[in-house]
Amino acid sequence: MSERTPAELRSAARATLARVLSRVLVAVGVSQLDLAEACGTKAQKVQLWCDAKRPETPYVADLPQMQRGVAMELLRWAAEQHGALVVDQLEASSAADHMGHLHRVLKEGADVSIAYSAALSDGVVDPVERERLISELRESIRAQRAVLEMLERDGRPRVLRGGVA
C-alpha cells in the first residue's frame, strides 16, 4: 500500500474539519449564520466550510472571533492531530491567586464545620450559636463567590502541550 501524499492528507484533513465543524455547530447550538456574523463573513462561506467536498476551511485568524464552544472544539481537533491536548482552563493572574482562593474556601468551610459541630454538641442550636453559624456560612459563601467571579471574569482558553502553557 502506498503512502498518501501531503496533498491527499491535506484534502482528508479538510474533509474531516468540515464534518467536525458541522457537528460542533449542532452540538453547541450555533447556526452557520451566527458563526458567519461572528467571523465577519457571509453565511455562504460558512456553508462551504461545512461541506466536506469543498476545499474551503476557516482560517486560524477566524478562531478568536468564533463562539467559544466552536473555537475550543476546533482547537481540540487540531491539537489531537499532533498528539496534544487543549484544556479549556480558566486562569487567574497567577497560581498564587488560585492558592489564595483555595486557602480561603477551605478555611471558611472548616470554620462552618467547627461552628456547626459546636452548635450541635448539646443537641440544641441556641440563638448565639445560630448567629455564629450564619456568620460563618456567609463568609464561606463569600469565599466561594469570589472564586466563581474570578473564574467567570478571567476565563480564557489556553492550549497546553506536555503540561506547559
N, C-alpha and C. Protein backbone atom coordinates (compact mmCIF):
# COMPACT_ATOMS: atom_id res chain seq x y z
N MET A 1 0.85 -1.17 0.00
CA MET A 1 0.00 0.00 0.00
C MET A 1 0.89 1.24 0.00
N SER A 2 0.59 2.17 -0.87
CA SER A 2 1.42 3.37 -0.97
C SER A 2 1.00 4.40 0.07
N GLU A 3 1.98 5.21 0.47
CA GLU A 3 1.70 6.28 1.42
C GLU A 3 0.95 7.40 0.73
N ARG A 4 0.16 8.12 1.50
CA ARG A 4 -0.60 9.23 0.95
C ARG A 4 0.31 10.45 0.82
N THR A 5 0.07 11.21 -0.22
CA THR A 5 0.85 12.41 -0.46
C THR A 5 0.38 13.52 0.49
N PRO A 6 1.22 14.54 0.70
CA PRO A 6 0.78 15.67 1.53
C PRO A 6 -0.52 16.29 1.02
N ALA A 7 -0.70 16.37 -0.28
CA ALA A 7 -1.94 16.94 -0.83
C ALA A 7 -3.14 16.07 -0.47
N GLU A 8 -2.97 14.75 -0.50
CA GLU A 8 -4.06 13.85 -0.12
C GLU A 8 -4.36 13.95 1.37
N LEU A 9 -3.32 14.04 2.16
CA LEU A 9 -3.51 14.20 3.60
C LEU A 9 -4.24 15.50 3.92
N ARG A 10 -3.85 16.56 3.22
CA ARG A 10 -4.49 17.87 3.44
C ARG A 10 -5.96 17.81 3.04
N SER A 11 -6.25 17.18 1.94
CA SER A 11 -7.63 17.06 1.47
C SER A 11 -8.47 16.27 2.48
N ALA A 12 -7.91 15.19 3.00
CA ALA A 12 -8.62 14.39 4.00
C ALA A 12 -8.84 15.20 5.28
N ALA A 13 -7.84 15.97 5.68
CA ALA A 13 -7.98 16.79 6.88
C ALA A 13 -9.05 17.86 6.68
N ARG A 14 -9.10 18.46 5.51
CA ARG A 14 -10.13 19.47 5.22
C ARG A 14 -11.52 18.87 5.33
N ALA A 15 -11.69 17.66 4.76
CA ALA A 15 -12.99 17.00 4.80
C ALA A 15 -13.38 16.68 6.25
N THR A 16 -12.42 16.20 7.02
CA THR A 16 -12.68 15.89 8.43
C THR A 16 -13.03 17.17 9.19
N LEU A 17 -12.29 18.24 8.94
CA LEU A 17 -12.57 19.51 9.61
C LEU A 17 -13.99 19.99 9.29
N ALA A 18 -14.41 19.83 8.06
CA ALA A 18 -15.77 20.24 7.69
C ALA A 18 -16.81 19.44 8.49
N ARG A 19 -16.57 18.14 8.62
CA ARG A 19 -17.50 17.31 9.40
C ARG A 19 -17.47 17.68 10.88
N VAL A 20 -16.27 17.94 11.40
CA VAL A 20 -16.14 18.36 12.80
C VAL A 20 -16.88 19.68 13.02
N LEU A 21 -16.66 20.64 12.15
CA LEU A 21 -17.32 21.94 12.30
C LEU A 21 -18.84 21.80 12.24
N SER A 22 -19.33 21.02 11.30
CA SER A 22 -20.78 20.82 11.19
C SER A 22 -21.35 20.21 12.46
N ARG A 23 -20.67 19.19 12.97
CA ARG A 23 -21.11 18.51 14.19
C ARG A 23 -21.07 19.46 15.40
N VAL A 24 -20.01 20.25 15.49
CA VAL A 24 -19.84 21.18 16.61
C VAL A 24 -20.93 22.25 16.59
N LEU A 25 -21.23 22.79 15.44
CA LEU A 25 -22.26 23.83 15.36
C LEU A 25 -23.59 23.31 15.91
N VAL A 26 -23.93 22.07 15.56
CA VAL A 26 -25.16 21.49 16.07
C VAL A 26 -25.05 21.26 17.58
N ALA A 27 -23.91 20.72 18.01
CA ALA A 27 -23.73 20.38 19.43
C ALA A 27 -23.80 21.61 20.34
N VAL A 28 -23.24 22.73 19.90
CA VAL A 28 -23.22 23.92 20.76
C VAL A 28 -24.37 24.88 20.45
N GLY A 29 -25.18 24.53 19.45
CA GLY A 29 -26.35 25.35 19.14
C GLY A 29 -26.03 26.68 18.47
N VAL A 30 -25.00 26.67 17.62
CA VAL A 30 -24.64 27.89 16.87
C VAL A 30 -24.99 27.64 15.41
N SER A 31 -25.75 28.56 14.83
CA SER A 31 -26.12 28.41 13.42
C SER A 31 -24.96 28.86 12.53
N GLN A 32 -25.00 28.46 11.27
CA GLN A 32 -24.00 28.91 10.31
C GLN A 32 -24.04 30.43 10.18
N LEU A 33 -25.23 30.99 10.23
CA LEU A 33 -25.38 32.45 10.15
C LEU A 33 -24.73 33.12 11.36
N ASP A 34 -24.97 32.57 12.55
CA ASP A 34 -24.34 33.13 13.76
C ASP A 34 -22.82 33.09 13.67
N LEU A 35 -22.30 31.97 13.18
CA LEU A 35 -20.84 31.85 13.04
C LEU A 35 -20.32 32.83 12.00
N ALA A 36 -21.04 32.96 10.90
CA ALA A 36 -20.63 33.91 9.85
C ALA A 36 -20.57 35.32 10.40
N GLU A 37 -21.59 35.72 11.13
CA GLU A 37 -21.62 37.07 11.71
C GLU A 37 -20.47 37.27 12.69
N ALA A 38 -20.18 36.26 13.51
CA ALA A 38 -19.09 36.36 14.48
C ALA A 38 -17.74 36.51 13.78
N CYS A 39 -17.59 35.83 12.63
CA CYS A 39 -16.31 35.86 11.91
C CYS A 39 -16.24 36.98 10.88
N GLY A 40 -17.31 37.73 10.72
CA GLY A 40 -17.31 38.82 9.75
C GLY A 40 -17.29 38.34 8.32
N THR A 41 -17.99 37.24 8.06
CA THR A 41 -18.06 36.71 6.70
C THR A 41 -19.52 36.41 6.37
N LYS A 42 -19.74 35.87 5.20
CA LYS A 42 -21.11 35.56 4.76
C LYS A 42 -21.47 34.12 5.15
N ALA A 43 -22.76 33.89 5.32
CA ALA A 43 -23.24 32.55 5.67
C ALA A 43 -22.85 31.52 4.60
N GLN A 44 -22.78 31.95 3.35
CA GLN A 44 -22.39 31.04 2.27
C GLN A 44 -20.97 30.53 2.48
N LYS A 45 -20.10 31.39 3.01
CA LYS A 45 -18.71 30.98 3.27
C LYS A 45 -18.68 29.89 4.33
N VAL A 46 -19.46 30.08 5.40
CA VAL A 46 -19.51 29.06 6.47
C VAL A 46 -20.12 27.78 5.92
N GLN A 47 -21.09 27.91 5.05
CA GLN A 47 -21.69 26.72 4.42
C GLN A 47 -20.60 25.93 3.66
N LEU A 48 -19.71 26.64 2.99
CA LEU A 48 -18.60 25.98 2.28
C LEU A 48 -17.64 25.32 3.28
N TRP A 49 -17.39 25.98 4.42
CA TRP A 49 -16.52 25.40 5.45
C TRP A 49 -17.08 24.07 5.95
N CYS A 50 -18.41 23.95 5.96
CA CYS A 50 -19.07 22.75 6.49
C CYS A 50 -19.28 21.67 5.44
N ASP A 51 -18.88 21.92 4.21
CA ASP A 51 -19.06 20.97 3.11
C ASP A 51 -17.77 20.17 2.95
N ALA A 52 -17.83 18.88 3.27
CA ALA A 52 -16.64 18.03 3.22
C ALA A 52 -16.07 17.88 1.82
N LYS A 53 -16.83 18.22 0.80
CA LYS A 53 -16.36 18.09 -0.58
C LYS A 53 -15.71 19.36 -1.10
N ARG A 54 -15.76 20.42 -0.31
CA ARG A 54 -15.19 21.71 -0.72
C ARG A 54 -13.85 21.94 -0.02
N PRO A 55 -12.92 22.64 -0.66
CA PRO A 55 -11.61 22.86 -0.06
C PRO A 55 -11.56 24.01 0.96
N GLU A 56 -12.61 24.82 1.03
CA GLU A 56 -12.59 25.99 1.91
C GLU A 56 -12.65 25.56 3.38
N THR A 57 -11.82 26.20 4.18
CA THR A 57 -11.83 25.98 5.63
C THR A 57 -11.66 27.32 6.32
N PRO A 58 -12.05 27.40 7.59
CA PRO A 58 -11.82 28.65 8.31
C PRO A 58 -10.31 28.87 8.48
N TYR A 59 -9.93 30.12 8.53
CA TYR A 59 -8.54 30.46 8.81
C TYR A 59 -8.30 30.41 10.32
N VAL A 60 -7.08 30.22 10.70
CA VAL A 60 -6.72 30.28 12.12
C VAL A 60 -7.12 31.64 12.69
N ALA A 61 -7.01 32.67 11.89
CA ALA A 61 -7.37 34.02 12.34
C ALA A 61 -8.86 34.17 12.62
N ASP A 62 -9.68 33.22 12.15
CA ASP A 62 -11.12 33.25 12.45
C ASP A 62 -11.42 32.74 13.86
N LEU A 63 -10.56 31.92 14.41
CA LEU A 63 -10.83 31.28 15.70
C LEU A 63 -11.14 32.26 16.83
N PRO A 64 -10.37 33.34 17.01
CA PRO A 64 -10.68 34.25 18.13
C PRO A 64 -12.05 34.92 18.02
N GLN A 65 -12.57 35.03 16.80
CA GLN A 65 -13.89 35.66 16.63
C GLN A 65 -15.02 34.67 16.83
N MET A 66 -14.73 33.38 16.72
CA MET A 66 -15.76 32.35 16.83
C MET A 66 -16.30 32.25 18.25
N GLN A 67 -17.50 31.75 18.37
CA GLN A 67 -18.07 31.48 19.68
C GLN A 67 -17.14 30.50 20.40
N ARG A 68 -17.00 30.70 21.69
CA ARG A 68 -16.03 29.93 22.49
C ARG A 68 -16.17 28.42 22.29
N GLY A 69 -17.39 27.90 22.37
CA GLY A 69 -17.59 26.46 22.24
C GLY A 69 -17.14 25.92 20.89
N VAL A 70 -17.39 26.68 19.84
CA VAL A 70 -16.97 26.28 18.49
C VAL A 70 -15.45 26.32 18.39
N ALA A 71 -14.86 27.42 18.80
CA ALA A 71 -13.41 27.57 18.72
C ALA A 71 -12.68 26.49 19.52
N MET A 72 -13.16 26.22 20.74
CA MET A 72 -12.49 25.23 21.58
C MET A 72 -12.52 23.84 20.94
N GLU A 73 -13.64 23.47 20.34
CA GLU A 73 -13.72 22.16 19.70
C GLU A 73 -12.82 22.07 18.47
N LEU A 74 -12.73 23.15 17.71
CA LEU A 74 -11.82 23.14 16.55
C LEU A 74 -10.37 23.08 17.02
N LEU A 75 -10.05 23.81 18.08
CA LEU A 75 -8.69 23.75 18.63
C LEU A 75 -8.37 22.34 19.14
N ARG A 76 -9.34 21.71 19.81
CA ARG A 76 -9.12 20.33 20.29
C ARG A 76 -8.84 19.39 19.11
N TRP A 77 -9.65 19.51 18.07
CA TRP A 77 -9.45 18.65 16.90
C TRP A 77 -8.05 18.85 16.32
N ALA A 78 -7.66 20.10 16.12
CA ALA A 78 -6.33 20.38 15.54
C ALA A 78 -5.22 19.86 16.45
N ALA A 79 -5.35 20.08 17.73
CA ALA A 79 -4.31 19.64 18.67
C ALA A 79 -4.17 18.12 18.68
N GLU A 80 -5.30 17.42 18.60
CA GLU A 80 -5.26 15.95 18.59
C GLU A 80 -4.45 15.41 17.42
N GLN A 81 -4.42 16.13 16.32
CA GLN A 81 -3.67 15.68 15.14
C GLN A 81 -2.16 15.64 15.43
N HIS A 82 -1.76 16.34 16.47
CA HIS A 82 -0.34 16.39 16.85
C HIS A 82 -0.09 15.71 18.19
N GLY A 83 -1.06 14.99 18.69
CA GLY A 83 -0.91 14.31 19.96
C GLY A 83 -0.93 15.26 21.15
N ALA A 84 -1.48 16.44 20.95
CA ALA A 84 -1.54 17.44 22.02
C ALA A 84 -2.96 17.53 22.55
N LEU A 85 -3.09 18.18 23.67
CA LEU A 85 -4.39 18.39 24.29
C LEU A 85 -4.68 19.88 24.37
N VAL A 86 -5.94 20.22 24.27
CA VAL A 86 -6.37 21.57 24.56
C VAL A 86 -7.20 21.47 25.82
N VAL A 87 -6.80 22.20 26.82
CA VAL A 87 -7.50 22.19 28.09
C VAL A 87 -8.22 23.52 28.21
N ASP A 88 -9.52 23.46 28.33
CA ASP A 88 -10.30 24.68 28.49
C ASP A 88 -10.18 25.07 29.96
N GLN A 89 -9.13 25.78 30.24
CA GLN A 89 -8.77 26.11 31.61
C GLN A 89 -8.96 27.59 31.85
N LEU A 90 -9.67 27.88 32.90
CA LEU A 90 -9.86 29.28 33.25
C LEU A 90 -8.69 29.68 34.14
N GLU A 91 -8.08 30.80 33.83
CA GLU A 91 -6.88 31.16 34.55
C GLU A 91 -7.06 32.43 35.36
N ALA A 92 -6.32 32.51 36.44
CA ALA A 92 -6.26 33.73 37.24
C ALA A 92 -4.96 34.41 36.88
N SER A 93 -4.68 35.54 37.51
CA SER A 93 -3.45 36.24 37.22
C SER A 93 -2.24 35.37 37.49
N SER A 94 -2.35 34.49 38.47
CA SER A 94 -1.23 33.61 38.79
C SER A 94 -1.72 32.42 39.59
N ALA A 95 -0.85 31.44 39.72
CA ALA A 95 -1.18 30.27 40.55
C ALA A 95 -1.38 30.70 42.00
N ALA A 96 -0.67 31.74 42.41
CA ALA A 96 -0.82 32.23 43.79
C ALA A 96 -2.24 32.72 44.05
N ASP A 97 -2.87 33.32 43.03
CA ASP A 97 -4.27 33.74 43.18
C ASP A 97 -5.15 32.53 43.48
N HIS A 98 -4.94 31.46 42.71
CA HIS A 98 -5.73 30.26 42.94
C HIS A 98 -5.47 29.69 44.33
N MET A 99 -4.22 29.65 44.73
CA MET A 99 -3.88 29.09 46.04
C MET A 99 -4.50 29.94 47.16
N GLY A 100 -4.49 31.24 46.98
CA GLY A 100 -5.10 32.11 47.98
C GLY A 100 -6.60 31.88 48.08
N HIS A 101 -7.25 31.75 46.93
CA HIS A 101 -8.69 31.47 46.93
C HIS A 101 -8.97 30.10 47.54
N LEU A 102 -8.17 29.11 47.16
CA LEU A 102 -8.36 27.77 47.71
C LEU A 102 -8.21 27.78 49.23
N HIS A 103 -7.19 28.46 49.73
CA HIS A 103 -6.97 28.55 51.17
C HIS A 103 -8.20 29.17 51.86
N ARG A 104 -8.70 30.25 51.30
CA ARG A 104 -9.84 30.93 51.92
C ARG A 104 -11.09 30.05 51.90
N VAL A 105 -11.35 29.38 50.77
CA VAL A 105 -12.52 28.49 50.68
C VAL A 105 -12.41 27.37 51.71
N LEU A 106 -11.23 26.75 51.82
CA LEU A 106 -11.05 25.67 52.78
C LEU A 106 -11.17 26.16 54.22
N LYS A 107 -10.55 27.30 54.52
CA LYS A 107 -10.60 27.85 55.87
C LYS A 107 -12.03 28.19 56.27
N GLU A 108 -12.74 28.89 55.38
CA GLU A 108 -14.12 29.29 55.70
C GLU A 108 -15.03 28.06 55.81
N GLY A 109 -14.80 27.06 54.96
CA GLY A 109 -15.57 25.82 55.06
C GLY A 109 -15.31 25.11 56.37
N ALA A 110 -14.04 25.10 56.79
CA ALA A 110 -13.69 24.49 58.08
C ALA A 110 -14.33 25.25 59.23
N ASP A 111 -14.35 26.58 59.15
CA ASP A 111 -15.00 27.39 60.19
C ASP A 111 -16.48 27.06 60.30
N VAL A 112 -17.13 26.81 59.16
CA VAL A 112 -18.55 26.42 59.18
C VAL A 112 -18.69 25.08 59.91
N SER A 113 -17.82 24.12 59.57
CA SER A 113 -17.89 22.80 60.20
C SER A 113 -17.68 22.89 61.71
N ILE A 114 -16.71 23.70 62.11
CA ILE A 114 -16.42 23.86 63.54
C ILE A 114 -17.61 24.49 64.26
N ALA A 115 -18.16 25.56 63.69
CA ALA A 115 -19.30 26.24 64.32
C ALA A 115 -20.52 25.33 64.36
N TYR A 116 -20.76 24.58 63.30
CA TYR A 116 -21.92 23.70 63.26
C TYR A 116 -21.78 22.57 64.27
N SER A 117 -20.58 21.93 64.32
CA SER A 117 -20.39 20.85 65.28
C SER A 117 -20.53 21.33 66.71
N ALA A 118 -19.95 22.52 66.98
CA ALA A 118 -20.05 23.07 68.34
C ALA A 118 -21.51 23.34 68.69
N ALA A 119 -22.25 23.88 67.74
CA ALA A 119 -23.66 24.19 67.99
C ALA A 119 -24.47 22.91 68.24
N LEU A 120 -24.12 21.85 67.57
CA LEU A 120 -24.88 20.61 67.72
C LEU A 120 -24.38 19.72 68.86
N SER A 121 -23.30 20.10 69.51
CA SER A 121 -22.72 19.24 70.56
C SER A 121 -23.69 18.97 71.70
N ASP A 122 -24.55 19.93 72.02
CA ASP A 122 -25.52 19.70 73.10
C ASP A 122 -26.90 19.37 72.55
N GLY A 123 -26.99 19.21 71.22
CA GLY A 123 -28.25 18.84 70.61
C GLY A 123 -29.19 19.99 70.32
N VAL A 124 -28.80 21.21 70.69
CA VAL A 124 -29.66 22.38 70.50
C VAL A 124 -28.82 23.51 69.93
N VAL A 125 -29.34 24.14 68.89
CA VAL A 125 -28.67 25.32 68.34
C VAL A 125 -29.31 26.54 68.98
N ASP A 126 -28.57 27.14 69.93
CA ASP A 126 -29.13 28.30 70.64
C ASP A 126 -28.96 29.56 69.78
N PRO A 127 -29.57 30.69 70.16
CA PRO A 127 -29.50 31.91 69.34
C PRO A 127 -28.09 32.41 69.07
N VAL A 128 -27.19 32.32 70.04
CA VAL A 128 -25.81 32.77 69.84
C VAL A 128 -25.11 31.87 68.82
N GLU A 129 -25.30 30.55 68.98
CA GLU A 129 -24.69 29.60 68.04
C GLU A 129 -25.28 29.78 66.63
N ARG A 130 -26.57 30.03 66.59
CA ARG A 130 -27.24 30.26 65.31
C ARG A 130 -26.63 31.45 64.58
N GLU A 131 -26.42 32.56 65.30
CA GLU A 131 -25.83 33.76 64.68
C GLU A 131 -24.41 33.51 64.22
N ARG A 132 -23.62 32.78 65.04
CA ARG A 132 -22.24 32.46 64.65
C ARG A 132 -22.24 31.59 63.40
N LEU A 133 -23.12 30.61 63.37
CA LEU A 133 -23.20 29.70 62.21
C LEU A 133 -23.61 30.47 60.95
N ILE A 134 -24.59 31.35 61.07
CA ILE A 134 -25.00 32.18 59.92
C ILE A 134 -23.83 33.03 59.44
N SER A 135 -23.11 33.62 60.37
CA SER A 135 -21.96 34.45 60.01
C SER A 135 -20.89 33.62 59.29
N GLU A 136 -20.59 32.44 59.81
CA GLU A 136 -19.57 31.58 59.18
C GLU A 136 -20.03 31.10 57.80
N LEU A 137 -21.31 30.78 57.68
CA LEU A 137 -21.84 30.37 56.37
C LEU A 137 -21.72 31.51 55.36
N ARG A 138 -22.04 32.71 55.79
CA ARG A 138 -21.93 33.86 54.88
C ARG A 138 -20.49 34.07 54.43
N GLU A 139 -19.54 33.94 55.35
CA GLU A 139 -18.12 34.09 54.99
C GLU A 139 -17.71 33.01 53.98
N SER A 140 -18.18 31.79 54.21
CA SER A 140 -17.85 30.69 53.30
C SER A 140 -18.44 30.96 51.91
N ILE A 141 -19.66 31.43 51.88
CA ILE A 141 -20.31 31.74 50.60
C ILE A 141 -19.57 32.87 49.89
N ARG A 142 -19.12 33.88 50.64
CA ARG A 142 -18.35 34.98 50.03
C ARG A 142 -17.06 34.46 49.41
N ALA A 143 -16.39 33.56 50.13
CA ALA A 143 -15.14 33.00 49.60
C ALA A 143 -15.40 32.22 48.32
N GLN A 144 -16.46 31.43 48.30
CA GLN A 144 -16.80 30.65 47.11
C GLN A 144 -17.24 31.57 45.97
N ARG A 145 -17.99 32.61 46.30
CA ARG A 145 -18.44 33.55 45.28
C ARG A 145 -17.23 34.26 44.64
N ALA A 146 -16.22 34.57 45.44
CA ALA A 146 -15.02 35.22 44.91
C ALA A 146 -14.34 34.34 43.87
N VAL A 147 -14.29 33.03 44.13
CA VAL A 147 -13.70 32.10 43.16
C VAL A 147 -14.57 32.07 41.90
N LEU A 148 -15.86 31.96 42.08
CA LEU A 148 -16.77 31.92 40.94
C LEU A 148 -16.62 33.17 40.08
N GLU A 149 -16.59 34.33 40.71
CA GLU A 149 -16.45 35.58 39.95
C GLU A 149 -15.12 35.66 39.23
N MET A 150 -14.05 35.20 39.87
CA MET A 150 -12.74 35.20 39.22
C MET A 150 -12.77 34.29 37.98
N LEU A 151 -13.36 33.12 38.13
CA LEU A 151 -13.40 32.19 37.01
C LEU A 151 -14.26 32.71 35.88
N GLU A 152 -15.37 33.32 36.19
CA GLU A 152 -16.24 33.87 35.15
C GLU A 152 -15.61 35.08 34.46
N ARG A 153 -14.91 35.88 35.21
CA ARG A 153 -14.32 37.12 34.68
C ARG A 153 -13.04 36.85 33.89
N ASP A 154 -12.19 36.00 34.41
CA ASP A 154 -10.86 35.83 33.84
C ASP A 154 -10.72 34.62 32.93
N GLY A 155 -11.82 34.00 32.58
CA GLY A 155 -11.72 32.78 31.79
C GLY A 155 -11.22 33.01 30.38
N ARG A 156 -10.12 32.33 30.05
CA ARG A 156 -9.58 32.34 28.69
C ARG A 156 -9.07 30.94 28.41
N PRO A 157 -9.32 30.43 27.20
CA PRO A 157 -8.79 29.10 26.89
C PRO A 157 -7.27 29.17 26.73
N ARG A 158 -6.60 28.12 27.16
CA ARG A 158 -5.15 28.02 26.96
C ARG A 158 -4.86 26.67 26.32
N VAL A 159 -3.96 26.67 25.37
CA VAL A 159 -3.57 25.43 24.72
C VAL A 159 -2.35 24.91 25.46
N LEU A 160 -2.43 23.67 25.91
CA LEU A 160 -1.33 23.06 26.65
C LEU A 160 -0.78 21.89 25.87
N ARG A 161 0.50 21.74 25.86
CA ARG A 161 1.14 20.55 25.29
C ARG A 161 2.18 20.08 26.28
N GLY A 162 2.09 18.87 26.64
CA GLY A 162 3.05 18.32 27.60
C GLY A 162 3.00 19.04 28.94
N GLY A 163 1.84 19.58 29.29
CA GLY A 163 1.68 20.22 30.58
C GLY A 163 2.22 21.62 30.67
N VAL A 164 2.69 22.17 29.56
CA VAL A 164 3.26 23.52 29.59
C VAL A 164 2.33 24.44 28.82
N ALA A 165 1.98 25.57 29.43
CA ALA A 165 1.07 26.52 28.76
C ALA A 165 1.84 27.32 27.73
